[in-house]
PDB file of N, CA and C in Angstrom:
ATOM      1  N   MET A   1      14.329-108.913  -4.164  1.00  0.00           N
ATOM      2  CA  MET A   1      15.474-108.290  -3.566  1.00  0.00           C
ATOM      3  C   MET A   1      16.402-109.403  -3.089  1.00  0.00           C
ATOM      4  N   PHE A   2      17.675-109.219  -3.310  1.00  0.00           N
ATOM      5  CA  PHE A   2      18.696-110.135  -2.825  1.00  0.00           C
ATOM      6  C   PHE A   2      19.462-109.442  -1.701  1.00  0.00           C
ATOM      7  N   LYS A   3      19.657-110.158  -0.578  1.00  0.00           N
ATOM      8  CA  LYS A   3      20.379-109.578   0.559  1.00  0.00           C
ATOM      9  C   LYS A   3      21.541-110.486   0.924  1.00  0.00           C
ATOM     10  N   TYR A   4      22.675-109.870   1.178  1.00  0.00           N
ATOM     11  CA  TYR A   4      23.819-110.623   1.675  1.00  0.00           C
ATOM     12  C   TYR A   4      24.490-109.818   2.768  1.00  0.00           C
ATOM     13  N   VAL A   5      24.526-110.390   3.978  1.00  0.00           N
ATOM     14  CA  VAL A   5      25.209-109.781   5.110  1.00  0.00           C
ATOM     15  C   VAL A   5      26.117-110.858   5.682  1.00  0.00           C
ATOM     16  N   SER A   6      27.399-110.639   5.618  1.00  0.00           N
ATOM     17  CA  SER A   6      28.365-111.620   6.109  1.00  0.00           C
ATOM     18  C   SER A   6      28.190-111.807   7.610  1.00  0.00           C
ATOM     19  N   PRO A   7      28.172-112.967   8.141  1.00  0.00           N
ATOM     20  CA  PRO A   7      28.453-114.282   7.592  1.00  0.00           C
ATOM     21  C   PRO A   7      27.194-115.089   7.250  1.00  0.00           C
ATOM     22  N   THR A   8      26.038-114.468   7.156  1.00  0.00           N
ATOM     23  CA  THR A   8      24.814-115.211   6.854  1.00  0.00           C
ATOM     24  C   THR A   8      24.728-115.545   5.367  1.00  0.00           C
ATOM     25  N   PRO A   9      23.923-116.563   5.011  1.00  0.00           N
ATOM     26  CA  PRO A   9      23.795-116.903   3.586  1.00  0.00           C
ATOM     27  C   PRO A   9      22.959-115.876   2.822  1.00  0.00           C
ATOM     28  N   LEU A  10      23.058-115.913   1.506  1.00  0.00           N
ATOM     29  CA  LEU A  10      22.282-115.035   0.631  1.00  0.00           C
ATOM     30  C   LEU A  10      20.792-115.275   0.867  1.00  0.00           C
ATOM     31  N   SER A  11      20.023-114.199   0.955  1.00  0.00           N
ATOM     32  CA  SER A  11      18.585-114.274   1.185  1.00  0.00           C
ATOM     33  C   SER A  11      17.858-113.598   0.026  1.00  0.00           C
ATOM     34  N   THR A  12      16.723-114.157  -0.355  1.00  0.00           N
ATOM     35  CA  THR A  12      15.920-113.600  -1.441  1.00  0.00           C
ATOM     36  C   THR A  12      14.532-113.249  -0.918  1.00  0.00           C
ATOM     37  N   ASP A  13      14.067-112.043  -1.216  1.00  0.00           N
ATOM     38  CA  ASP A  13      12.710-111.618  -0.886  1.00  0.00           C
ATOM     39  C   ASP A  13      11.941-111.395  -2.184  1.00  0.00           C
ATOM     40  N   LEU A  14      10.745-111.990  -2.277  1.00  0.00           N
ATOM     41  CA  LEU A  14       9.863-111.790  -3.426  1.00  0.00           C
ATOM     42  C   LEU A  14       8.580-111.162  -2.921  1.00  0.00           C
ATOM     43  N   ASN A  15       8.100-110.134  -3.615  1.00  0.00           N
ATOM     44  CA  ASN A  15       6.896-109.419  -3.207  1.00  0.00           C
ATOM     45  C   ASN A  15       5.996-109.179  -4.410  1.00  0.00           C
ATOM     46  N   LEU A  16       4.682-109.229  -4.182  1.00  0.00           N
ATOM     47  CA  LEU A  16       3.714-108.975  -5.244  1.00  0.00           C
ATOM     48  C   LEU A  16       2.533-108.217  -4.641  1.00  0.00           C
ATOM     49  N   LYS A  17       2.133-107.150  -5.314  1.00  0.00           N
ATOM     50  CA  LYS A  17       0.975-106.364  -4.883  1.00  0.00           C
ATOM     51  C   LYS A  17       0.135-106.066  -6.105  1.00  0.00           C
ATOM     52  N   ILE A  18      -1.158-106.390  -6.035  1.00  0.00           N
ATOM     53  CA  ILE A  18      -2.076-106.158  -7.145  1.00  0.00           C
ATOM     54  C   ILE A  18      -3.149-105.182  -6.677  1.00  0.00           C
ATOM     55  N   ALA A  19      -3.333-104.096  -7.429  1.00  0.00           N
ATOM     56  CA  ALA A  19      -4.309-103.068  -7.075  1.00  0.00           C
ATOM     57  C   ALA A  19      -5.533-103.172  -7.984  1.00  0.00           C
ATOM     58  N   PHE A  20      -6.691-102.860  -7.414  1.00  0.00           N
ATOM     59  CA  PHE A  20      -7.955-102.869  -8.140  1.00  0.00           C
ATOM     60  C   PHE A  20      -8.549-101.471  -8.141  1.00  0.00           C
ATOM     61  N   LYS A  21      -8.669-100.891  -9.337  1.00  0.00           N
ATOM     62  CA  LYS A  21      -9.276 -99.565  -9.512  1.00  0.00           C
ATOM     63  C   LYS A  21      -8.663 -98.513  -8.596  1.00  0.00           C
ATOM     64  N   ASP A  22      -7.381 -98.654  -8.303  1.00  0.00           N
ATOM     65  CA  ASP A  22      -6.624 -97.710  -7.475  1.00  0.00           C
ATOM     66  C   ASP A  22      -7.279 -97.480  -6.109  1.00  0.00           C
ATOM     67  N   LYS A  23      -8.039 -98.471  -5.613  1.00  0.00           N
ATOM     68  CA  LYS A  23      -8.718 -98.329  -4.331  1.00  0.00           C
ATOM     69  C   LYS A  23      -8.358 -99.469  -3.378  1.00  0.00           C
ATOM     70  N   PHE A  24      -8.466-100.722  -3.827  1.00  0.00           N
ATOM     71  CA  PHE A  24      -8.178-101.891  -2.995  1.00  0.00           C
ATOM     72  C   PHE A  24      -6.932-102.593  -3.517  1.00  0.00           C
ATOM     73  N   TRP A  25      -6.212-103.308  -2.639  1.00  0.00           N
ATOM     74  CA  TRP A  25      -5.048-104.054  -3.082  1.00  0.00           C
ATOM     75  C   TRP A  25      -4.848-105.290  -2.213  1.00  0.00           C
ATOM     76  N   VAL A  26      -4.257-106.304  -2.816  1.00  0.00           N
ATOM     77  CA  VAL A  26      -3.902-107.545  -2.132  1.00  0.00           C
ATOM     78  C   VAL A  26      -2.515-107.964  -2.619  1.00  0.00           C
ATOM     79  N   GLY A  27      -1.874-108.804  -1.860  1.00  0.00           N
ATOM     80  CA  GLY A  27      -0.560-109.249  -2.285  1.00  0.00           C
ATOM     81  C   GLY A  27       0.034-110.277  -1.352  1.00  0.00           C
ATOM     82  N   GLY A  28       1.274-110.564  -1.609  1.00  0.00           N
ATOM     83  CA  GLY A  28       1.987-111.532  -0.808  1.00  0.00           C
ATOM     84  C   GLY A  28       3.470-111.254  -0.814  1.00  0.00           C
ATOM     85  N   SER A  29       4.160-111.870   0.119  1.00  0.00           N
ATOM     86  CA  SER A  29       5.589-111.695   0.258  1.00  0.00           C
ATOM     87  C   SER A  29       6.195-113.024   0.690  1.00  0.00           C
ATOM     88  N   TYR A  30       7.414-113.280   0.232  1.00  0.00           N
ATOM     89  CA  TYR A  30       8.117-114.500   0.619  1.00  0.00           C
ATOM     90  C   TYR A  30       9.589-114.181   0.837  1.00  0.00           C
ATOM     91  N   CYS A  31      10.106-114.568   1.974  1.00  0.00           N
ATOM     92  CA  CYS A  31      11.522-114.420   2.295  1.00  0.00           C
ATOM     93  C   CYS A  31      12.112-115.820   2.379  1.00  0.00           C
ATOM     94  N   SER A  32      13.114-116.106   1.565  1.00  0.00           N
ATOM     95  CA  SER A  32      13.634-117.463   1.443  1.00  0.00           C
ATOM     96  C   SER A  32      14.221-118.016   2.736  1.00  0.00           C
ATOM     97  N   GLN A  33      14.617-117.194   3.660  1.00  0.00           N
ATOM     98  CA  GLN A  33      15.244-117.675   4.886  1.00  0.00           C
ATOM     99  C   GLN A  33      14.314-117.667   6.092  1.00  0.00           C
ATOM    100  N   ASP A  34      13.103-117.089   5.972  1.00  0.00           N
ATOM    101  CA  ASP A  34      12.369-116.892   7.212  1.00  0.00           C
ATOM    102  C   ASP A  34      10.848-116.961   7.137  1.00  0.00           C
ATOM    103  N   ALA A  35      10.194-116.316   6.171  1.00  0.00           N
ATOM    104  CA  ALA A  35       8.751-116.134   6.316  1.00  0.00           C
ATOM    105  C   ALA A  35       8.033-115.924   4.991  1.00  0.00           C
ATOM    106  N   ALA A  36       6.712-116.066   5.073  1.00  0.00           N
ATOM    107  CA  ALA A  36       5.804-115.705   3.989  1.00  0.00           C
ATOM    108  C   ALA A  36       4.721-114.827   4.615  1.00  0.00           C
ATOM    109  N   ALA A  37       4.107-113.980   3.807  1.00  0.00           N
ATOM    110  CA  ALA A  37       3.092-113.074   4.342  1.00  0.00           C
ATOM    111  C   ALA A  37       2.017-112.816   3.302  1.00  0.00           C
ATOM    112  N   ILE A  38       0.820-112.498   3.803  1.00  0.00           N
ATOM    113  CA  ILE A  38      -0.257-112.027   2.947  1.00  0.00           C
ATOM    114  C   ILE A  38      -0.556-110.585   3.364  1.00  0.00           C
ATOM    115  N   ILE A  39      -0.919-109.751   2.388  1.00  0.00           N
ATOM    116  CA  ILE A  39      -1.217-108.351   2.668  1.00  0.00           C
ATOM    117  C   ILE A  39      -2.505-107.954   1.948  1.00  0.00           C
ATOM    118  N   ALA A  40      -3.211-107.010   2.528  1.00  0.00           N
ATOM    119  CA  ALA A  40      -4.426-106.481   1.912  1.00  0.00           C
ATOM    120  C   ALA A  40      -4.670-105.085   2.470  1.00  0.00           C
ATOM    121  N   GLY A  41      -5.387-104.270   1.711  1.00  0.00           N
ATOM    122  CA  GLY A  41      -5.686-102.945   2.206  1.00  0.00           C
ATOM    123  C   GLY A  41      -6.477-102.124   1.217  1.00  0.00           C
ATOM    124  N   PHE A  42      -6.740-100.894   1.604  1.00  0.00           N
ATOM    125  CA  PHE A  42      -7.426 -99.979   0.698  1.00  0.00           C
ATOM    126  C   PHE A  42      -6.934 -98.556   0.938  1.00  0.00           C
ATOM    127  N   ASN A  43      -7.019 -97.765  -0.105  1.00  0.00           N
ATOM    128  CA  ASN A  43      -6.614 -96.368  -0.049  1.00  0.00           C
ATOM    129  C   ASN A  43      -7.801 -95.542   0.424  1.00  0.00           C
ATOM    130  N   ILE A  44      -7.678 -94.916   1.589  1.00  0.00           N
ATOM    131  CA  ILE A  44      -8.750 -94.093   2.130  1.00  0.00           C
ATOM    132  C   ILE A  44      -8.872 -92.807   1.309  1.00  0.00           C
ATOM    133  N   ASN A  45      -7.747 -92.159   1.063  1.00  0.00           N
ATOM    134  CA  ASN A  45      -7.672 -90.985   0.186  1.00  0.00           C
ATOM    135  C   ASN A  45      -6.232 -90.863  -0.299  1.00  0.00           C
ATOM    136  N   ALA A  46      -5.853 -89.729  -0.837  1.00  0.00           N
ATOM    137  CA  ALA A  46      -4.513 -89.577  -1.395  1.00  0.00           C
ATOM    138  C   ALA A  46      -3.412 -89.611  -0.325  1.00  0.00           C
ATOM    139  N   LEU A  47      -3.766 -89.367   0.942  1.00  0.00           N
ATOM    140  CA  LEU A  47      -2.773 -89.325   2.013  1.00  0.00           C
ATOM    141  C   LEU A  47      -2.784 -90.543   2.939  1.00  0.00           C
ATOM    142  N   PHE A  48      -3.895 -91.248   3.044  1.00  0.00           N
ATOM    143  CA  PHE A  48      -4.021 -92.320   4.029  1.00  0.00           C
ATOM    144  C   PHE A  48      -4.353 -93.661   3.384  1.00  0.00           C
ATOM    145  N   VAL A  49      -3.667 -94.687   3.881  1.00  0.00           N
ATOM    146  CA  VAL A  49      -3.874 -96.062   3.430  1.00  0.00           C
ATOM    147  C   VAL A  49      -4.074 -96.923   4.667  1.00  0.00           C
ATOM    148  N   LEU A  50      -5.040 -97.826   4.620  1.00  0.00           N
ATOM    149  CA  LEU A  50      -5.259 -98.778   5.704  1.00  0.00           C
ATOM    150  C   LEU A  50      -4.917-100.158   5.177  1.00  0.00           C
ATOM    151  N   GLY A  51      -4.004-100.842   5.847  1.00  0.00           N
ATOM    152  CA  GLY A  51      -3.565-102.145   5.369  1.00  0.00           C
ATOM    153  C   GLY A  51      -3.375-103.129   6.498  1.00  0.00           C
ATOM    154  N   TYR A  52      -3.299-104.403   6.120  1.00  0.00           N
ATOM    155  CA  TYR A  52      -3.106-105.477   7.089  1.00  0.00           C
ATOM    156  C   TYR A  52      -2.140-106.490   6.491  1.00  0.00           C
ATOM    157  N   SER A  53      -1.268-107.012   7.312  1.00  0.00           N
ATOM    158  CA  SER A  53      -0.324-108.029   6.885  1.00  0.00           C
ATOM    159  C   SER A  53      -0.261-109.122   7.938  1.00  0.00           C
ATOM    160  N   TYR A  54      -0.179-110.377   7.488  1.00  0.00           N
ATOM    161  CA  TYR A  54      -0.025-111.494   8.421  1.00  0.00           C
ATOM    162  C   TYR A  54       1.170-112.318   7.977  1.00  0.00           C
ATOM    163  N   ASP A  55       2.125-112.517   8.888  1.00  0.00           N
ATOM    164  CA  ASP A  55       3.344-113.278   8.616  1.00  0.00           C
ATOM    165  C   ASP A  55       3.198-114.728   9.045  1.00  0.00           C
ATOM    166  N   PHE A  56       3.689-115.623   8.217  1.00  0.00           N
ATOM    167  CA  PHE A  56       3.809-117.037   8.545  1.00  0.00           C
ATOM    168  C   PHE A  56       5.296-117.342   8.626  1.00  0.00           C
ATOM    169  N   THR A  57       5.811-117.667   9.794  1.00  0.00           N
ATOM    170  CA  THR A  57       7.233-117.959   9.946  1.00  0.00           C
ATOM    171  C   THR A  57       7.518-119.351   9.405  1.00  0.00           C
ATOM    172  N   THR A  58       8.496-119.459   8.495  1.00  0.00           N
ATOM    173  CA  THR A  58       8.832-120.739   7.886  1.00  0.00           C
ATOM    174  C   THR A  58      10.137-121.325   8.408  1.00  0.00           C
ATOM    175  N   SER A  59      10.862-120.575   9.241  1.00  0.00           N
ATOM    176  CA  SER A  59      12.113-121.072   9.796  1.00  0.00           C
ATOM    177  C   SER A  59      11.836-121.852  11.077  1.00  0.00           C
ATOM    178  N   GLU A  60      12.883-122.334  11.701  1.00  0.00           N
ATOM    179  CA  GLU A  60      12.755-123.057  12.980  1.00  0.00           C
ATOM    180  C   GLU A  60      12.135-122.189  14.065  1.00  0.00           C
ATOM    181  N   LEU A  61      12.260-120.893  13.939  1.00  0.00           N
ATOM    182  CA  LEU A  61      11.666-119.970  14.907  1.00  0.00           C
ATOM    183  C   LEU A  61      10.145-120.115  14.945  1.00  0.00           C
ATOM    184  N   GLY A  62       9.542-120.569  13.857  1.00  0.00           N
ATOM    185  CA  GLY A  62       8.096-120.733  13.792  1.00  0.00           C
ATOM    186  C   GLY A  62       7.538-121.680  14.832  1.00  0.00           C
ATOM    187  N   LYS A  63       8.328-122.640  15.267  1.00  0.00           N
ATOM    188  CA  LYS A  63       7.878-123.580  16.301  1.00  0.00           C
ATOM    189  C   LYS A  63       7.671-122.877  17.638  1.00  0.00           C
ATOM    190  N   MET A  64       8.398-121.787  17.853  1.00  0.00           N
ATOM    191  CA  MET A  64       8.315-121.052  19.109  1.00  0.00           C
ATOM    192  C   MET A  64       7.405-119.825  19.030  1.00  0.00           C
ATOM    193  N   SER A  65       7.149-119.332  17.827  1.00  0.00           N
ATOM    194  CA  SER A  65       6.400-118.067  17.697  1.00  0.00           C
ATOM    195  C   SER A  65       4.992-118.268  17.152  1.00  0.00           C
ATOM    196  N   ASN A  66       4.448-119.443  17.272  1.00  0.00           N
ATOM    197  CA  ASN A  66       3.116-119.729  16.757  1.00  0.00           C
ATOM    198  C   ASN A  66       2.099-118.888  17.480  1.00  0.00           C
TER     199      ASN A  66
END
């Protein structure tokens, strides 16, 4: 995804999710201006999903939000 909101610079988000047997999934995310993340989870049933995500801040804010 490409995002542009004036007056900030263009930002790019890349995401990947890989599913195994339609039950478990893992993936990652990267935002060019701010962060990277890992994600994982599993489908409990057709209505409920349990997932977890952890963000790694890559901007200057990361020094303060460790």
